[in-house]
Structure formats: structure tokens, C-alpha cells
Amino acid sequence: MHGHTPPELFDLHEDLPPATVRERLAALGRRLRNHRAFLFVVLLPVLLAALYLGPVASSQYVSEAHFVVRAAGSGEAVNSGLGQLLGMNSAAPSSQTESLALGDYLTSHDAVAALQRRLQLASLFQRPEVDWLSRLRDRPAPETLLKFYRRQVSLHYSSETGITTMTVRAFRPEDAYRIASTLLDIGEARVNTLNKRAYDDALRVARAQLADAEAELTSVQGRLTRFRQGGRDIDPVRSSTAQIELVSGLRAQLATARAQLASMAGGISTVAPQYRVARKRAEALAAQVGAEEARLTGSARTMATGLGVYEELQLRQDFAAKRYSAAAAALQAAREQAGRQQLFVVRVVEPNRPVKPLYPQRLWTLLSIFGGLLLAYGIGWLIAAGVREHAA
């Protein structure tokens, strides 16, 4: 009795139809055909993405740096906190322009060419361990290298703090660090080049004015020297003063001699020796006065003419000297102003040496792909259902 099976159990199994393998496969095929759109639109792409992101996609490391571009003279009106520490005014539009200009340079052909010369940039994106979809192809064109470089390097400027954040992605930690450090060096070199150009441009006009003033002053001084050498007179003003004093003294002596002669004429004969001596003395003084007055104003080469030329040259010399002094002061002021406008890069955060890869974000990327495809499938299904309903 123990080995006997109850007849009710046989009856139960006999009521169930046997499911063959062919029937099960046919049922599965019908289900797949009914959901083939979902399969090809959503599940298959997600499966392929998972196969790529899992064992195939190469890890990428990120090095990040923060910097500020500021002017040497921008510390007059500063904010508190970090802005005060850096000596910058976050609201200054010039600072924003300078930071954006430097950021534009660091993502340009010039920066890529500089990195190519220093680091062989293309080879860093062609490491052997890089998967075929992520790597840079061999011997890329400059435009291709720039496009790939801009995918790996990004800069973000914060208008609130004035800080530019630079992130660099590479397939090895050391490569990311080297690219970030070299970019900062290239940026500083570029700023120094712009500083020199701006400094020279700011001083060019002032230097030209100083050179003109110096040339004019030298010319006037040369003419003054030639005048002194030609006239054999170091200081015509003093010579003229002395000559006037001499003429005045001779006139006084002549007046005295004539007075004496007149007084003698009333007491002695005009043929007396004393009278003749006094007369000759008066005549000699009169001749000497005439000669000395002639030296002052008698001809074109007199002292009066020379004094006029000398005073004109001296006036020109004084004007040229004042112009030279003003040009020298303007040059110094332009030099100080240009010095206050010099730019430099403040490294707020140095590039880090990454340890853990941050890209690709496998789970997040896979979920994003699944969500996007699911949304697209849902929209397509709703459109198709509406078309079928209108067709019916």
C-alpha cells in the first residue's frame, strides 16, 4: 500500500495539457513580436550601452584648477573675504573681460599648438589602453585635435567670485595633471606677452613726445653754442650791460670834461696849453662815447642785434627745456599708469593629481540612456496609437 499512488493524482495530471518546447518557443516568439518596438528602441540600445560602458569604456581622470586674472592696481576697491585676500573687485567688468579672454585663449588653436610642442598632446589622447570609441585617431588634423581637446578641457568663469574653474580630463592621472599645469603656465606666458605689448603701446606716444622735445632742446642749444662761438661772447646780456655801464661812465666823464672846458674858457685863453689839453680830453671822450655807442646800436653787427638774437635763442631754449621736462613727467606718469594696469594670474587652487577616475559615469549614463529611450518610445507609442485610432 505504501508504494501505491492515489488515483486522484493521476486524474489531476491527465487534465493538464502537456506544454511542449515548440509551443513555449512559439508563445515567446509571439510576445517578442508584440513588443519588438520596445525591444529595438529601448532594450537593445541599453544593452549595447551597458556592454560598452562596462568592460570596454576607458576610465578618465580629472585634474581641476582655479585661477583669477587681475590687474596690479585693482586693489583700491575690494570686497571682503576671498576677494580682499586676492586684492580684486568681483564687480569689475574689466576683470571679467580679461578672464574670459584668457579662457578663450586656453581653448584656442594657439593653446593646442603650445601643448603639442611641450607635451605631444595628441599622443596623450592615443594611449594604448584607450578604447577605440574614446581615443583620438592617428595623425589627426589640427581641427580634429582642437575639437577633441575641447571635449577634454573646459573652463567656467564665475561672475560672482571672478574665479575661473578649469577641468582637464585624460586617460592617465599624470596626463591630466601635466595638461592642467602646462595650461596655467601657457596662460601666464600669454598674459605676460599681452602685458609687454600693452606697456609698449601705452609708452610709445610718451616716448615719441620726449624724443621730439629732446631733439628740439638739443637743436636750440646747438644754435646757442654756435652763436656764442661766432660772436666770441659767452653771455651777450652781461656784455651788453657792461657796455651800457661803460657808455654811461664815459658820458659822465665827457660831461665833466666839457663843464671844465667851459669854465676854463671864461678864465684863460683858448690857445693856452691847459685849455688845449682840456679840449683834447673832451674831444677824446666824445669820440670814445660815439665809438662805444656805435658798438651798441650803430650797425647790423652791433651788440643790440646780437642781443636780440641771443634773447630769442634763450627764449627758445627755455621753452624747449620746459617742454622736455613736461614730456619726461608725462613719460613717468604713463609708465606708472601702465604698471598699474599690468595683468597677472593668481592661482587660487593648484592642479590636483587625480587618484580615482571620475569618467565615464557608467550608472548615471546608463540610466540617462534608458530614461531618454523610454521617453522617446512612450511618445512614439502615443503617436502611433493616435494614428491607428483616427484610421479606424
Protein backbone atom coordinates (compact mmCIF):
# COMPACT_ATOMS: atom_id res chain seq x y z
CA MET A 1 0.00 0.00 0.00
CA HIS A 2 2.93 2.28 0.69
CA GLY A 3 4.09 2.03 -2.95
CA HIS A 4 0.61 2.63 -4.37
CA THR A 5 -0.17 6.08 -5.84
CA PRO A 6 -3.63 7.55 -5.25
CA PRO A 7 -5.75 7.57 -8.42
CA GLU A 8 -6.82 11.19 -7.84
CA LEU A 9 -3.27 12.40 -8.61
CA PHE A 10 -3.29 10.67 -11.98
CA ASP A 11 -6.60 12.22 -12.82
CA LEU A 12 -5.26 15.72 -11.98
CA HIS A 13 -2.21 15.38 -14.26
CA GLU A 14 -4.24 13.92 -17.04
CA ASP A 15 -6.44 17.10 -17.08
CA LEU A 16 -3.40 19.45 -17.72
CA PRO A 17 -2.30 19.69 -21.40
CA PRO A 18 1.44 18.91 -21.82
CA ALA A 19 3.47 22.05 -22.88
CA THR A 20 5.99 21.15 -25.47
CA VAL A 21 9.20 23.09 -26.14
CA ARG A 22 7.90 24.13 -29.55
CA GLU A 23 4.76 25.64 -28.07
CA ARG A 24 6.71 27.51 -25.46
CA LEU A 25 9.07 28.96 -28.11
CA ALA A 26 6.11 29.92 -30.27
CA ALA A 27 4.49 31.74 -27.35
CA LEU A 28 7.76 33.53 -26.61
CA GLY A 29 8.06 34.50 -30.27
CA ARG A 30 4.58 35.96 -30.28
CA ARG A 31 5.38 38.02 -27.18
CA LEU A 32 8.59 39.32 -28.77
CA ARG A 33 6.78 40.25 -31.98
CA ASN A 34 4.17 42.09 -29.99
CA HIS A 35 6.88 44.06 -28.15
CA ARG A 36 9.50 44.24 -30.90
CA ALA A 37 9.34 48.04 -30.99
CA PHE A 38 10.17 48.28 -27.28
CA LEU A 39 12.89 45.69 -27.76
CA PHE A 40 14.66 47.51 -30.61
CA VAL A 41 14.04 51.05 -29.41
CA VAL A 42 14.79 50.65 -25.68
CA LEU A 43 16.20 47.33 -24.55
CA LEU A 44 18.71 46.64 -27.33
CA PRO A 45 20.38 50.12 -27.23
CA VAL A 46 20.53 49.95 -23.42
CA LEU A 47 22.11 46.52 -23.63
CA LEU A 48 24.71 47.74 -26.13
CA ALA A 49 25.43 50.79 -23.98
CA ALA A 50 25.85 48.58 -20.93
CA LEU A 51 28.25 46.31 -22.82
CA TYR A 52 30.31 49.35 -23.84
CA LEU A 53 30.24 51.23 -20.53
CA GLY A 54 31.02 48.14 -18.51
CA PRO A 55 34.11 46.33 -19.78
CA VAL A 56 35.04 48.50 -22.79
CA ALA A 57 34.87 52.22 -21.93
CA SER A 58 38.20 53.63 -20.71
CA SER A 59 38.45 55.38 -17.37
CA GLN A 60 39.17 59.11 -17.42
CA TYR A 61 40.83 61.13 -14.66
CA VAL A 62 40.10 64.78 -13.89
CA SER A 63 42.54 67.47 -12.73
CA GLU A 64 40.98 70.76 -11.62
CA ALA A 65 42.49 74.20 -11.02
CA HIS A 66 41.09 77.63 -10.09
CA PHE A 67 42.64 80.94 -11.06
CA VAL A 68 41.90 84.67 -11.17
CA VAL A 69 43.11 87.27 -13.67
CA ARG A 70 43.60 90.64 -12.01
CA ALA A 71 45.41 93.93 -12.54
CA ALA A 72 48.23 95.21 -10.35
CA GLY A 73 46.29 98.37 -9.49
CA SER A 74 42.89 96.77 -8.86
CA GLY A 75 43.16 96.67 -5.09
CA GLU A 76 41.68 100.08 -4.28
CA ALA A 77 38.07 98.94 -4.02
CA VAL A 78 37.91 95.33 -2.94
CA ASN A 79 35.40 93.10 -1.26
CA SER A 80 35.83 91.27 1.98
CA GLY A 81 36.74 87.63 2.34
CA LEU A 82 38.44 85.91 -0.56
CA GLY A 83 38.14 88.96 -2.82
CA GLN A 84 40.02 91.08 -0.28
CA LEU A 85 42.67 88.40 0.11
CA LEU A 86 43.24 88.33 -3.64
CA GLY A 87 43.00 92.11 -3.98
CA MET A 88 40.26 92.05 -6.57
CA ASN A 89 36.86 93.57 -7.14
CA SER A 90 34.47 90.91 -8.33
CA ALA A 91 32.16 93.51 -9.85
CA ALA A 92 34.84 94.96 -12.13
CA PRO A 93 33.85 94.38 -15.76
CA SER A 94 37.49 94.65 -16.90
CA SER A 95 38.41 91.68 -14.74
CA GLN A 96 35.63 89.64 -16.33
CA THR A 97 36.77 90.62 -19.81
CA GLU A 98 40.36 89.68 -19.05
CA SER A 99 39.38 86.33 -17.53
CA LEU A 100 37.10 85.49 -20.46
CA ALA A 101 39.82 86.50 -22.91
CA LEU A 102 42.32 84.20 -21.20
CA GLY A 103 39.76 81.39 -21.15
CA ASP A 104 39.16 81.86 -24.86
CA TYR A 105 42.90 81.65 -25.49
CA LEU A 106 43.26 78.45 -23.45
CA THR A 107 40.68 76.73 -25.69
CA SER A 108 42.11 78.02 -28.97
CA HIS A 109 44.38 76.71 -31.70
CA ASP A 110 47.30 78.61 -30.15
CA ALA A 111 46.98 76.79 -26.83
CA VAL A 112 46.67 73.42 -28.58
CA ALA A 113 49.77 74.17 -30.64
CA ALA A 114 51.69 75.14 -27.49
CA LEU A 115 50.60 71.93 -25.73
CA GLN A 116 51.56 69.92 -28.80
CA ARG A 117 55.06 71.40 -28.72
CA ARG A 118 55.54 70.88 -25.00
CA LEU A 119 53.70 67.63 -24.26
CA GLN A 120 52.97 65.98 -27.62
CA LEU A 121 49.28 66.46 -26.78
CA ALA A 122 47.92 64.10 -29.44
CA SER A 123 49.88 61.16 -28.03
CA LEU A 124 48.29 61.69 -24.60
CA PHE A 125 44.88 61.05 -26.13
CA GLN A 126 46.15 57.98 -28.02
CA ARG A 127 47.31 55.82 -25.12
CA PRO A 128 47.24 52.07 -25.80
CA GLU A 129 44.68 51.42 -23.08
CA VAL A 130 42.15 53.87 -24.54
CA ASP A 131 39.15 52.18 -26.19
CA TRP A 132 38.53 52.70 -29.89
CA LEU A 133 35.49 54.90 -29.37
CA SER A 134 37.17 57.26 -26.88
CA ARG A 135 40.64 57.56 -28.38
CA LEU A 136 41.89 60.19 -30.81
CA ARG A 137 42.58 58.77 -34.22
CA ASP A 138 46.15 58.63 -35.53
CA ARG A 139 47.65 61.69 -37.20
CA PRO A 140 44.63 63.92 -36.65
CA ALA A 141 44.11 67.19 -38.49
CA PRO A 142 44.52 70.34 -36.38
CA GLU A 143 40.75 70.91 -36.45
CA THR A 144 40.12 67.34 -35.26
CA LEU A 145 42.65 67.70 -32.45
CA LEU A 146 41.09 71.03 -31.38
CA LYS A 147 37.60 69.52 -31.34
CA PHE A 148 38.77 66.54 -29.26
CA TYR A 149 40.75 68.87 -26.96
CA ARG A 150 37.67 71.00 -26.28
CA ARG A 151 35.82 67.86 -25.20
CA GLN A 152 38.54 67.11 -22.68
CA VAL A 153 39.24 70.66 -21.37
CA SER A 154 36.57 73.03 -20.08
CA LEU A 155 36.69 76.44 -18.39
CA HIS A 156 33.91 78.09 -16.40
CA TYR A 157 34.02 81.72 -15.25
CA SER A 158 32.00 82.74 -12.18
CA SER A 159 30.77 86.32 -12.41
CA GLU A 160 30.07 86.34 -8.66
CA THR A 161 33.58 85.49 -7.48
CA GLY A 162 35.65 86.30 -10.57
CA ILE A 163 37.23 82.83 -10.38
CA THR A 164 37.75 80.67 -13.45
CA THR A 165 37.49 76.91 -12.91
CA MET A 166 39.48 74.74 -15.30
CA THR A 167 38.89 70.98 -15.55
CA VAL A 168 41.07 68.66 -17.62
CA ARG A 169 40.18 65.05 -18.44
CA ALA A 170 42.75 62.48 -19.56
CA PHE A 171 43.15 58.74 -19.60
CA ARG A 172 46.03 58.71 -17.12
CA PRO A 173 46.24 60.66 -13.83
CA GLU A 174 49.65 62.09 -14.67
CA ASP A 175 48.50 63.22 -18.11
CA ALA A 176 45.58 65.19 -16.65
CA TYR A 177 47.89 66.87 -14.13
CA ARG A 178 50.53 67.72 -16.75
CA ILE A 179 48.00 69.22 -19.14
CA ALA A 180 46.42 71.36 -16.40
CA SER A 181 49.79 72.59 -15.08
CA THR A 182 51.07 73.37 -18.56
CA LEU A 183 47.88 75.25 -19.42
CA LEU A 184 48.38 77.52 -16.42
CA ASP A 185 51.98 78.14 -17.47
CA ILE A 186 50.87 78.90 -21.03
CA GLY A 187 48.18 81.25 -19.71
CA GLU A 188 50.69 83.14 -17.58
CA ALA A 189 53.08 83.42 -20.52
CA ARG A 190 50.25 84.76 -22.68
CA VAL A 191 49.32 87.34 -20.05
CA ASN A 192 52.97 88.43 -19.83
CA THR A 193 53.09 88.85 -23.61
CA LEU A 194 49.94 90.96 -23.56
CA ASN A 195 51.39 92.99 -20.67
CA LYS A 196 54.53 93.79 -22.64
CA ARG A 197 52.55 94.74 -25.72
CA ALA A 198 50.16 96.95 -23.74
CA TYR A 199 53.07 98.51 -21.83
CA ASP A 200 54.95 99.36 -25.03
CA ASP A 201 51.79 100.74 -26.68
CA ALA A 202 51.00 102.90 -23.66
CA LEU A 203 54.52 104.37 -23.59
CA ARG A 204 55.04 104.73 -27.33
CA VAL A 205 53.37 108.16 -27.60
CA ALA A 206 55.02 109.50 -24.45
CA ARG A 207 58.43 108.29 -25.64
CA ALA A 208 57.91 109.90 -29.04
CA GLN A 209 56.99 113.22 -27.42
CA LEU A 210 60.04 113.04 -25.17
CA ALA A 211 62.29 112.29 -28.15
CA ASP A 212 60.87 115.30 -30.05
CA ALA A 213 61.34 117.58 -27.06
CA GLU A 214 64.89 116.32 -26.57
CA ALA A 215 65.71 116.85 -30.25
CA GLU A 216 64.32 120.40 -30.15
CA LEU A 217 66.24 121.22 -26.98
CA THR A 218 69.45 119.83 -28.47
CA SER A 219 68.93 121.85 -31.65
CA VAL A 220 68.38 125.11 -29.76
CA GLN A 221 71.37 124.51 -27.55
CA GLY A 222 73.50 123.84 -30.64
CA ARG A 223 72.36 127.10 -32.24
CA LEU A 224 73.09 128.94 -29.00
CA THR A 225 76.56 127.44 -28.83
CA ARG A 226 77.31 128.36 -32.45
CA PHE A 227 76.08 131.91 -31.77
CA ARG A 228 78.43 132.26 -28.82
CA GLN A 229 81.34 130.85 -30.77
CA GLY A 230 80.66 133.12 -33.76
CA GLY A 231 80.26 136.24 -31.66
CA ARG A 232 83.07 135.30 -29.26
CA ASP A 233 80.79 136.21 -26.39
CA ILE A 234 79.75 133.76 -23.71
CA ASP A 235 76.98 135.95 -22.27
CA PRO A 236 75.83 138.82 -24.52
CA VAL A 237 73.40 140.00 -21.84
CA ARG A 238 76.17 140.65 -19.35
CA SER A 239 78.39 142.08 -22.07
CA SER A 240 75.65 144.48 -23.13
CA THR A 241 75.06 145.52 -19.54
CA ALA A 242 78.75 146.17 -19.08
CA GLN A 243 78.86 148.11 -22.35
CA ILE A 244 75.93 150.27 -21.29
CA GLU A 245 77.61 150.95 -17.97
CA LEU A 246 80.83 151.86 -19.81
CA VAL A 247 78.99 154.28 -22.11
CA SER A 248 77.20 155.81 -19.14
CA GLY A 249 80.53 156.29 -17.34
CA LEU A 250 82.14 157.82 -20.43
CA ARG A 251 79.20 160.18 -20.87
CA ALA A 252 79.57 161.30 -17.27
CA GLN A 253 83.29 161.87 -17.81
CA LEU A 254 82.53 163.75 -21.06
CA ALA A 255 80.02 165.95 -19.31
CA THR A 256 82.55 166.71 -16.61
CA ALA A 257 85.27 167.46 -19.15
CA ARG A 258 83.00 169.79 -21.11
CA ALA A 259 81.98 171.57 -17.92
CA GLN A 260 85.62 172.06 -17.03
CA LEU A 261 86.37 173.28 -20.54
CA ALA A 262 83.54 175.78 -20.36
CA SER A 263 84.73 177.10 -17.02
CA MET A 264 88.31 177.40 -18.31
CA ALA A 265 87.13 179.32 -21.36
CA GLY A 266 85.97 182.13 -19.12
CA GLY A 267 89.28 182.46 -17.28
CA ILE A 268 92.09 181.66 -19.72
CA SER A 269 92.79 181.96 -23.40
CA THR A 270 91.59 179.27 -25.75
CA VAL A 271 95.15 178.90 -27.04
CA ALA A 272 96.55 178.28 -23.61
CA PRO A 273 98.12 174.82 -23.14
CA GLN A 274 95.78 173.97 -20.27
CA TYR A 275 92.76 174.82 -22.36
CA ARG A 276 94.01 172.84 -25.36
CA VAL A 277 94.69 169.81 -23.12
CA ALA A 278 91.19 170.02 -21.62
CA ARG A 279 89.65 170.40 -25.09
CA LYS A 280 91.53 167.40 -26.49
CA ARG A 281 90.47 165.37 -23.49
CA ALA A 282 86.82 166.33 -24.08
CA GLU A 283 87.15 165.54 -27.79
CA ALA A 284 88.72 162.15 -27.00
CA LEU A 285 85.93 161.33 -24.56
CA ALA A 286 83.32 162.37 -27.15
CA ALA A 287 84.94 160.13 -29.76
CA GLN A 288 85.15 157.26 -27.33
CA VAL A 289 81.48 157.71 -26.38
CA GLY A 290 80.50 157.71 -30.07
CA ALA A 291 82.54 154.54 -30.71
CA GLU A 292 81.10 152.72 -27.74
CA GLU A 293 77.54 153.80 -28.64
CA ALA A 294 78.16 152.59 -32.18
CA ARG A 295 79.06 149.17 -30.75
CA LEU A 296 75.66 149.12 -29.10
CA THR A 297 73.30 150.29 -31.85
CA GLY A 298 75.28 151.57 -34.78
CA SER A 299 75.21 148.71 -37.35
CA ALA A 300 73.82 145.26 -38.16
CA ARG A 301 76.61 143.57 -36.17
CA THR A 302 76.22 145.66 -33.07
CA MET A 303 75.54 144.28 -29.62
CA ALA A 304 71.85 145.22 -29.81
CA THR A 305 71.31 142.97 -32.83
CA GLY A 306 73.29 140.12 -31.27
CA LEU A 307 71.45 140.58 -28.00
CA GLY A 308 68.10 140.24 -29.79
CA VAL A 309 69.19 137.01 -31.48
CA TYR A 310 70.62 135.72 -28.22
CA GLU A 311 67.47 136.51 -26.26
CA GLU A 312 65.34 134.75 -28.92
CA LEU A 313 67.56 131.67 -28.73
CA GLN A 314 67.48 131.76 -24.96
CA LEU A 315 63.69 132.01 -25.01
CA ARG A 316 63.52 129.02 -27.34
CA GLN A 317 65.89 127.16 -25.06
CA ASP A 318 63.71 127.86 -22.02
CA PHE A 319 60.59 126.73 -23.90
CA ALA A 320 62.33 123.57 -25.15
CA ALA A 321 63.59 122.81 -21.65
CA LYS A 322 60.09 123.19 -20.19
CA ARG A 323 58.65 121.03 -22.96
CA TYR A 324 61.31 118.41 -22.28
CA SER A 325 60.54 118.46 -18.54
CA ALA A 326 56.81 118.10 -19.25
CA ALA A 327 57.42 115.22 -21.67
CA ALA A 328 59.66 113.47 -19.14
CA ALA A 329 56.99 113.86 -16.45
CA ALA A 330 54.33 112.56 -18.87
CA LEU A 331 56.50 109.53 -19.64
CA GLN A 332 56.94 108.78 -15.97
CA ALA A 333 53.21 109.14 -15.36
CA ALA A 334 52.44 106.88 -18.34
CA ARG A 335 54.94 104.33 -17.05
CA GLU A 336 53.31 104.31 -13.61
CA GLN A 337 49.81 104.08 -15.12
CA ALA A 338 50.85 101.25 -17.42
CA GLY A 339 52.44 99.49 -14.46
CA ARG A 340 49.17 99.69 -12.52
CA GLN A 341 47.33 98.18 -15.48
CA GLN A 342 49.59 95.14 -15.78
CA LEU A 343 47.74 91.80 -15.51
CA PHE A 344 48.81 88.62 -13.79
CA VAL A 345 47.30 85.25 -12.99
CA VAL A 346 46.59 84.35 -9.36
CA ARG A 347 46.46 80.61 -8.81
CA VAL A 348 43.71 80.12 -6.25
CA VAL A 349 43.81 76.31 -6.45
CA GLU A 350 46.74 74.44 -7.97
CA PRO A 351 46.01 71.47 -10.29
CA ASN A 352 45.48 68.26 -8.33
CA ARG A 353 46.92 64.84 -9.06
CA PRO A 354 43.83 62.63 -9.54
CA VAL A 355 43.68 59.20 -7.95
CA LYS A 356 40.19 57.92 -8.74
CA PRO A 357 38.63 58.08 -12.24
CA LEU A 358 35.50 60.21 -12.43
CA TYR A 359 34.51 59.39 -16.01
CA PRO A 360 32.68 57.74 -17.59
CA GLN A 361 29.82 57.90 -15.10
CA ARG A 362 28.60 54.46 -16.02
CA LEU A 363 25.45 54.05 -13.93
CA TRP A 364 24.27 57.61 -14.45
CA THR A 365 24.94 57.43 -18.18
CA LEU A 366 23.12 54.11 -18.49
CA LEU A 367 20.11 55.41 -16.54
CA SER A 368 20.06 58.55 -18.68
CA ILE A 369 20.09 56.48 -21.87
CA PHE A 370 17.34 54.22 -20.57
CA GLY A 371 15.19 57.17 -19.45
CA GLY A 372 15.64 59.02 -22.73
CA LEU A 373 14.85 56.00 -24.87
CA LEU A 374 11.87 55.11 -22.70
CA LEU A 375 10.53 58.63 -23.07
CA ALA A 376 11.04 58.50 -26.84
CA TYR A 377 9.31 55.12 -27.03
CA GLY A 378 6.38 56.40 -24.99
CA ILE A 379 5.95 59.44 -27.23
CA GLY A 380 6.19 57.27 -30.34
CA TRP A 381 3.65 54.78 -28.97
CA LEU A 382 1.18 57.58 -28.20
CA ILE A 383 1.58 59.00 -31.70
CA ALA A 384 1.11 55.57 -33.29
CA ALA A 385 -1.95 54.86 -31.15
CA GLY A 386 -3.48 58.18 -32.18
CA VAL A 387 -2.85 57.46 -35.85
CA ARG A 388 -4.47 53.99 -35.56
CA GLU A 389 -7.46 55.46 -33.76
CA HIS A 390 -8.01 58.09 -36.46
CA ALA A 391 -7.52 55.48 -39.19
CA ALA A 392 -10.17 53.24 -37.60
